[in-house]
Amino acid sequence: MTLHPVWSFLIISILGMVATRSSAADSTYDDMTIPESYPNDYIFALYSHNEPVGPSHSELRTHENTPGFSYQHRLGHPWVVGVGYRSQAFINRQQNRPVSLLTVFNTTQRLFRLYHPFYALAGTEILYLIPVQKLNPPITKDATFSTEIGIGAAASLWYVMSQNSVLALDLQRWRGTKTDRLHGVSMTLGLGWGF
């Protein structure tokens, strides 16, 4: 089994940051997450790459990267909750035509301070997956796949660039719960603005 290069990069980055965490200047923040003076609310612009995995790999292949957006709220130490939308564009292998998923998601993640300005998040995701023929209007439901509620695991790496901006790398492994036909991995780059 080989790891996708993005997964490998994230694992190596987190291990490297944890290994270099102990510095004298950093020790005053050991019991803190993001400083209290920073905003609790962020709006993210997202850009996602989606790969079908498992049973979906025989029916779908990746088509193109897609945009999205999300709202994230820090509940205080140490939880972050969010809602958002990301589209996922695939090609139906059997019919050689586009099929996309309009995905509305809700995420709950625990925030771990690696060392300021780097933070790791890990948690779960609930998704509403709506298969459509294409992402452009008029939007038509795809009859080959059914609408599903999905569940997933999510991991993120946040780089707090300034008091009001965050660069995020998110990885999600998700699957539909109604059938066994929708499985995937989403790798998302996000730019967040705090308010």
C-alpha atoms as a PDB file:
ATOM      1  CA  MET A   1       0.000   0.000   0.000  1.00  0.00           C
ATOM      2  CA  THR A   2       1.412   3.407  -0.970  1.00  0.00           C
ATOM      3  CA  LEU A   3       0.444   6.752   0.522  1.00  0.00           C
ATOM      4  CA  HIS A   4      -0.734   9.603  -1.671  1.00  0.00           C
ATOM      5  CA  PRO A   5       1.998  12.322  -1.790  1.00  0.00           C
ATOM      6  CA  VAL A   6      -0.248  14.855  -0.003  1.00  0.00           C
ATOM      7  CA  TRP A   7      -0.830  12.426   2.901  1.00  0.00           C
ATOM      8  CA  SER A   8       2.920  11.784   3.116  1.00  0.00           C
ATOM      9  CA  PHE A   9       3.643  15.527   3.150  1.00  0.00           C
ATOM     10  CA  LEU A  10       1.089  16.150   5.911  1.00  0.00           C
ATOM     11  CA  ILE A  11       2.403  13.323   8.115  1.00  0.00           C
ATOM     12  CA  ILE A  12       6.033  14.409   7.694  1.00  0.00           C
ATOM     13  CA  SER A  13       5.109  18.063   8.346  1.00  0.00           C
ATOM     14  CA  ILE A  14       3.230  17.256  11.553  1.00  0.00           C
ATOM     15  CA  LEU A  15       5.998  14.986  12.848  1.00  0.00           C
ATOM     16  CA  GLY A  16       8.602  17.629  12.037  1.00  0.00           C
ATOM     17  CA  MET A  17       6.648  20.338  13.823  1.00  0.00           C
ATOM     18  CA  VAL A  18       6.091  18.184  16.904  1.00  0.00           C
ATOM     19  CA  ALA A  19       9.795  17.332  17.009  1.00  0.00           C
ATOM     20  CA  THR A  20      10.823  21.010  16.951  1.00  0.00           C
ATOM     21  CA  ARG A  21       8.101  22.137  19.341  1.00  0.00           C
ATOM     22  CA  SER A  22      10.252  22.614  22.426  1.00  0.00           C
ATOM     23  CA  SER A  23      11.908  26.004  22.265  1.00  0.00           C
ATOM     24  CA  ALA A  24      12.376  28.454  25.115  1.00  0.00           C
ATOM     25  CA  ALA A  25      10.485  31.269  23.389  1.00  0.00           C
ATOM     26  CA  ASP A  26       7.595  28.927  22.700  1.00  0.00           C
ATOM     27  CA  SER A  27       7.179  27.485  26.205  1.00  0.00           C
ATOM     28  CA  THR A  28       4.847  30.233  27.462  1.00  0.00           C
ATOM     29  CA  TYR A  29       2.159  28.980  25.052  1.00  0.00           C
ATOM     30  CA  ASP A  30       2.291  25.286  26.051  1.00  0.00           C
ATOM     31  CA  ASP A  31      -1.194  25.265  27.586  1.00  0.00           C
ATOM     32  CA  MET A  32      -2.827  27.480  24.957  1.00  0.00           C
ATOM     33  CA  THR A  33      -4.288  26.982  21.552  1.00  0.00           C
ATOM     34  CA  ILE A  34      -4.813  29.985  19.262  1.00  0.00           C
ATOM     35  CA  PRO A  35      -4.340  33.134  21.389  1.00  0.00           C
ATOM     36  CA  GLU A  36      -7.552  34.606  22.825  1.00  0.00           C
ATOM     37  CA  SER A  37      -6.992  37.919  21.023  1.00  0.00           C
ATOM     38  CA  TYR A  38      -7.409  36.160  17.647  1.00  0.00           C
ATOM     39  CA  PRO A  39     -10.884  35.929  16.036  1.00  0.00           C
ATOM     40  CA  ASN A  40     -13.166  32.990  16.794  1.00  0.00           C
ATOM     41  CA  ASP A  41     -14.877  33.046  13.369  1.00  0.00           C
ATOM     42  CA  TYR A  42     -13.348  32.400   9.949  1.00  0.00           C
ATOM     43  CA  ILE A  43     -14.684  32.302   6.393  1.00  0.00           C
ATOM     44  CA  PHE A  44     -12.625  30.044   4.100  1.00  0.00           C
ATOM     45  CA  ALA A  45     -12.350  30.005   0.305  1.00  0.00           C
ATOM     46  CA  LEU A  46     -11.618  26.377  -0.661  1.00  0.00           C
ATOM     47  CA  TYR A  47     -10.007  24.654  -3.630  1.00  0.00           C
ATOM     48  CA  SER A  48     -10.416  20.839  -3.619  1.00  0.00           C
ATOM     49  CA  HIS A  49      -8.921  17.840  -5.341  1.00  0.00           C
ATOM     50  CA  ASN A  50     -11.131  14.741  -5.029  1.00  0.00           C
ATOM     51  CA  GLU A  51     -10.227  11.101  -5.615  1.00  0.00           C
ATOM     52  CA  PRO A  52     -12.675   8.182  -5.667  1.00  0.00           C
ATOM     53  CA  VAL A  53     -11.463   5.276  -3.524  1.00  0.00           C
ATOM     54  CA  GLY A  54     -12.637   1.789  -2.628  1.00  0.00           C
ATOM     55  CA  PRO A  55     -15.791   0.669  -4.477  1.00  0.00           C
ATOM     56  CA  SER A  56     -16.129   4.077  -6.190  1.00  0.00           C
ATOM     57  CA  HIS A  57     -12.811   3.654  -7.982  1.00  0.00           C
ATOM     58  CA  SER A  58     -14.339   1.152 -10.440  1.00  0.00           C
ATOM     59  CA  GLU A  59     -17.217   3.533 -11.323  1.00  0.00           C
ATOM     60  CA  LEU A  60     -15.657   7.013 -11.125  1.00  0.00           C
ATOM     61  CA  ARG A  61     -12.428   8.798 -11.943  1.00  0.00           C
ATOM     62  CA  THR A  62     -11.233  12.288 -11.045  1.00  0.00           C
ATOM     63  CA  HIS A  63     -12.251  15.026 -13.472  1.00  0.00           C
ATOM     64  CA  GLU A  64     -11.120  18.441 -12.213  1.00  0.00           C
ATOM     65  CA  ASN A  65     -10.372  20.441  -9.077  1.00  0.00           C
ATOM     66  CA  THR A  66     -13.288  22.443  -7.716  1.00  0.00           C
ATOM     67  CA  PRO A  67     -14.019  25.470  -5.500  1.00  0.00           C
ATOM     68  CA  GLY A  68     -15.987  25.711  -2.278  1.00  0.00           C
ATOM     69  CA  PHE A  69     -16.353  27.711   0.913  1.00  0.00           C
ATOM     70  CA  SER A  70     -16.774  27.117   4.634  1.00  0.00           C
ATOM     71  CA  TYR A  71     -17.446  28.888   7.911  1.00  0.00           C
ATOM     72  CA  GLN A  72     -15.393  27.767  10.932  1.00  0.00           C
ATOM     73  CA  HIS A  73     -16.053  28.768  14.546  1.00  0.00           C
ATOM     74  CA  ARG A  74     -13.741  28.194  17.502  1.00  0.00           C
ATOM     75  CA  LEU A  75     -15.893  27.147  20.450  1.00  0.00           C
ATOM     76  CA  GLY A  76     -13.028  27.917  22.764  1.00  0.00           C
ATOM     77  CA  HIS A  77     -10.360  25.536  23.871  1.00  0.00           C
ATOM     78  CA  PRO A  78     -10.049  23.140  22.076  1.00  0.00           C
ATOM     79  CA  TRP A  79     -12.969  22.614  19.625  1.00  0.00           C
ATOM     80  CA  VAL A  80     -13.602  24.024  16.129  1.00  0.00           C
ATOM     81  CA  VAL A  81     -16.926  23.455  14.343  1.00  0.00           C
ATOM     82  CA  GLY A  82     -17.777  24.330  10.781  1.00  0.00           C
ATOM     83  CA  VAL A  83     -20.238  24.125   7.929  1.00  0.00           C
ATOM     84  CA  GLY A  84     -19.542  24.491   4.260  1.00  0.00           C
ATOM     85  CA  TYR A  85     -19.929  23.492   0.652  1.00  0.00           C
ATOM     86  CA  ARG A  86     -17.523  21.861  -1.752  1.00  0.00           C
ATOM     87  CA  SER A  87     -18.261  20.439  -5.164  1.00  0.00           C
ATOM     88  CA  GLN A  88     -16.640  17.253  -6.408  1.00  0.00           C
ATOM     89  CA  ALA A  89     -16.257  16.598 -10.140  1.00  0.00           C
ATOM     90  CA  PHE A  90     -15.814  13.060 -11.463  1.00  0.00           C
ATOM     91  CA  ILE A  91     -16.207  11.123 -14.714  1.00  0.00           C
ATOM     92  CA  ASN A  92     -18.535   8.103 -14.818  1.00  0.00           C
ATOM     93  CA  ARG A  93     -16.245   5.371 -16.230  1.00  0.00           C
ATOM     94  CA  GLN A  94     -19.040   3.234 -17.727  1.00  0.00           C
ATOM     95  CA  GLN A  95     -20.803   6.063 -19.575  1.00  0.00           C
ATOM     96  CA  ASN A  96     -17.731   8.300 -20.028  1.00  0.00           C
ATOM     97  CA  ARG A  97     -19.632  11.420 -18.937  1.00  0.00           C
ATOM     98  CA  PRO A  98     -19.311  13.901 -16.061  1.00  0.00           C
ATOM     99  CA  VAL A  99     -20.976  13.284 -12.722  1.00  0.00           C
ATOM    100  CA  SER A 100     -20.544  15.690  -9.824  1.00  0.00           C
ATOM    101  CA  LEU A 101     -21.380  15.727  -6.150  1.00  0.00           C
ATOM    102  CA  LEU A 102     -22.783  18.848  -4.545  1.00  0.00           C
ATOM    103  CA  THR A 103     -21.490  18.349  -1.006  1.00  0.00           C
ATOM    104  CA  VAL A 104     -22.730  20.228   2.048  1.00  0.00           C
ATOM    105  CA  PHE A 105     -20.748  19.303   5.140  1.00  0.00           C
ATOM    106  CA  ASN A 106     -20.619  19.822   8.896  1.00  0.00           C
ATOM    107  CA  THR A 107     -17.342  19.212  10.704  1.00  0.00           C
ATOM    108  CA  THR A 108     -16.281  19.005  14.347  1.00  0.00           C
ATOM    109  CA  GLN A 109     -12.544  18.973  15.034  1.00  0.00           C
ATOM    110  CA  ARG A 110     -10.271  19.161  18.048  1.00  0.00           C
ATOM    111  CA  LEU A 111      -7.514  21.762  17.784  1.00  0.00           C
ATOM    112  CA  PHE A 112      -3.950  20.827  18.786  1.00  0.00           C
ATOM    113  CA  ARG A 113      -1.275  23.473  19.091  1.00  0.00           C
ATOM    114  CA  LEU A 114       1.963  22.266  17.481  1.00  0.00           C
ATOM    115  CA  TYR A 115       3.767  25.552  17.921  1.00  0.00           C
ATOM    116  CA  HIS A 116       2.445  28.970  17.068  1.00  0.00           C
ATOM    117  CA  PRO A 117       1.622  29.657  14.214  1.00  0.00           C
ATOM    118  CA  PHE A 118       1.074  25.947  13.305  1.00  0.00           C
ATOM    119  CA  TYR A 119      -1.985  24.010  14.516  1.00  0.00           C
ATOM    120  CA  ALA A 120      -3.311  20.534  13.749  1.00  0.00           C
ATOM    121  CA  LEU A 121      -7.005  19.599  13.799  1.00  0.00           C
ATOM    122  CA  ALA A 122      -8.618  16.159  13.759  1.00  0.00           C
ATOM    123  CA  GLY A 123     -12.237  15.086  13.918  1.00  0.00           C
ATOM    124  CA  THR A 124     -15.318  13.921  12.078  1.00  0.00           C
ATOM    125  CA  GLU A 125     -17.476  15.131   9.233  1.00  0.00           C
ATOM    126  CA  ILE A 126     -21.114  14.628   8.245  1.00  0.00           C
ATOM    127  CA  LEU A 127     -21.924  15.230   4.567  1.00  0.00           C
ATOM    128  CA  TYR A 128     -24.991  15.567   2.377  1.00  0.00           C
ATOM    129  CA  LEU A 129     -24.030  14.238  -1.077  1.00  0.00           C
ATOM    130  CA  ILE A 130     -26.208  15.242  -4.055  1.00  0.00           C
ATOM    131  CA  PRO A 131     -25.172  13.620  -7.378  1.00  0.00           C
ATOM    132  CA  VAL A 132     -25.761  15.883 -10.387  1.00  0.00           C
ATOM    133  CA  GLN A 133     -24.868  15.634 -14.076  1.00  0.00           C
ATOM    134  CA  LYS A 134     -22.798  18.834 -14.062  1.00  0.00           C
ATOM    135  CA  LEU A 135     -21.914  21.701 -11.748  1.00  0.00           C
ATOM    136  CA  ASN A 136     -23.089  24.471 -14.091  1.00  0.00           C
ATOM    137  CA  PRO A 137     -26.752  25.605 -14.171  1.00  0.00           C
ATOM    138  CA  PRO A 138     -29.204  24.256 -15.019  1.00  0.00           C
ATOM    139  CA  ILE A 139     -28.396  21.609 -12.420  1.00  0.00           C
ATOM    140  CA  THR A 140     -29.929  18.204 -13.187  1.00  0.00           C
ATOM    141  CA  LYS A 141     -29.959  15.277 -10.767  1.00  0.00           C
ATOM    142  CA  ASP A 142     -27.906  12.289 -11.884  1.00  0.00           C
ATOM    143  CA  ALA A 143     -30.152   9.211 -12.053  1.00  0.00           C
ATOM    144  CA  THR A 144     -27.238   6.752 -11.821  1.00  0.00           C
ATOM    145  CA  PHE A 145     -26.454   7.590  -8.181  1.00  0.00           C
ATOM    146  CA  SER A 146     -28.742   8.307  -5.252  1.00  0.00           C
ATOM    147  CA  THR A 147     -28.538  11.221  -2.820  1.00  0.00           C
ATOM    148  CA  GLU A 148     -26.760  10.092   0.360  1.00  0.00           C
ATOM    149  CA  ILE A 149     -25.825  11.126   3.846  1.00  0.00           C
ATOM    150  CA  GLY A 150     -22.097  10.609   4.279  1.00  0.00           C
ATOM    151  CA  ILE A 151     -19.703  10.301   7.187  1.00  0.00           C
ATOM    152  CA  GLY A 152     -16.006  10.958   7.235  1.00  0.00           C
ATOM    153  CA  ALA A 153     -12.797  11.558   9.128  1.00  0.00           C
ATOM    154  CA  ALA A 154     -11.097  14.925   8.748  1.00  0.00           C
ATOM    155  CA  ALA A 155      -7.594  16.196   9.508  1.00  0.00           C
ATOM    156  CA  SER A 156      -6.279  19.708   8.981  1.00  0.00           C
ATOM    157  CA  LEU A 157      -3.086  21.676   9.276  1.00  0.00           C
ATOM    158  CA  TRP A 158      -3.517  25.417   9.931  1.00  0.00           C
ATOM    159  CA  TYR A 159      -0.832  28.041   9.436  1.00  0.00           C
ATOM    160  CA  VAL A 160      -1.989  31.245  11.157  1.00  0.00           C
ATOM    161  CA  MET A 161      -0.417  33.833   8.828  1.00  0.00           C
ATOM    162  CA  SER A 162      -1.624  36.837  10.801  1.00  0.00           C
ATOM    163  CA  GLN A 163      -4.217  37.659  13.430  1.00  0.00           C
ATOM    164  CA  ASN A 164      -6.939  37.663  10.751  1.00  0.00           C
ATOM    165  CA  SER A 165      -5.765  35.140   8.144  1.00  0.00           C
ATOM    166  CA  VAL A 166      -5.250  31.360   8.086  1.00  0.00           C
ATOM    167  CA  LEU A 167      -3.866  29.046   5.411  1.00  0.00           C
ATOM    168  CA  ALA A 168      -5.310  25.528   5.788  1.00  0.00           C
ATOM    169  CA  LEU A 169      -4.602  22.113   4.290  1.00  0.00           C
ATOM    170  CA  ASP A 170      -7.537  19.736   4.876  1.00  0.00           C
ATOM    171  CA  LEU A 171      -7.764  16.010   4.203  1.00  0.00           C
ATOM    172  CA  GLN A 172     -11.077  14.163   4.380  1.00  0.00           C
ATOM    173  CA  ARG A 173     -11.825  10.458   3.932  1.00  0.00           C
ATOM    174  CA  TRP A 174     -15.570  10.126   3.425  1.00  0.00           C
ATOM    175  CA  ARG A 175     -18.212   7.628   2.321  1.00  0.00           C
ATOM    176  CA  GLY A 176     -21.940   7.514   1.715  1.00  0.00           C
ATOM    177  CA  THR A 177     -24.055   5.503   4.153  1.00  0.00           C
ATOM    178  CA  LYS A 178     -27.033   4.556   1.965  1.00  0.00           C
ATOM    179  CA  THR A 179     -25.153   2.501  -0.628  1.00  0.00           C
ATOM    180  CA  ASP A 180     -21.546   1.395  -1.015  1.00  0.00           C
ATOM    181  CA  ARG A 181     -21.032   3.370  -4.243  1.00  0.00           C
ATOM    182  CA  LEU A 182     -19.727   6.738  -3.023  1.00  0.00           C
ATOM    183  CA  HIS A 183     -16.310   6.699  -1.340  1.00  0.00           C
ATOM    184  CA  GLY A 184     -13.617   9.323  -1.663  1.00  0.00           C
ATOM    185  CA  VAL A 185     -10.711  11.339  -0.391  1.00  0.00           C
ATOM    186  CA  SER A 186     -10.783  15.133  -0.619  1.00  0.00           C
ATOM    187  CA  MET A 187      -7.625  17.228  -0.350  1.00  0.00           C
ATOM    188  CA  THR A 188      -8.489  20.873   0.124  1.00  0.00           C
ATOM    189  CA  LEU A 189      -6.446  24.045   0.271  1.00  0.00           C
ATOM    190  CA  GLY A 190      -8.211  26.880   2.097  1.00  0.00           C
ATOM    191  CA  LEU A 191      -7.567  30.548   2.744  1.00  0.00           C
ATOM    192  CA  GLY A 192      -9.463  31.896   5.741  1.00  0.00           C
ATOM    193  CA  TRP A 193     -10.288  35.406   6.911  1.00  0.00           C
ATOM    194  CA  GLY A 194     -11.067  35.999  10.576  1.00  0.00           C
ATOM    195  CA  PHE A 195     -13.714  38.369  11.893  1.00  0.00           C
END
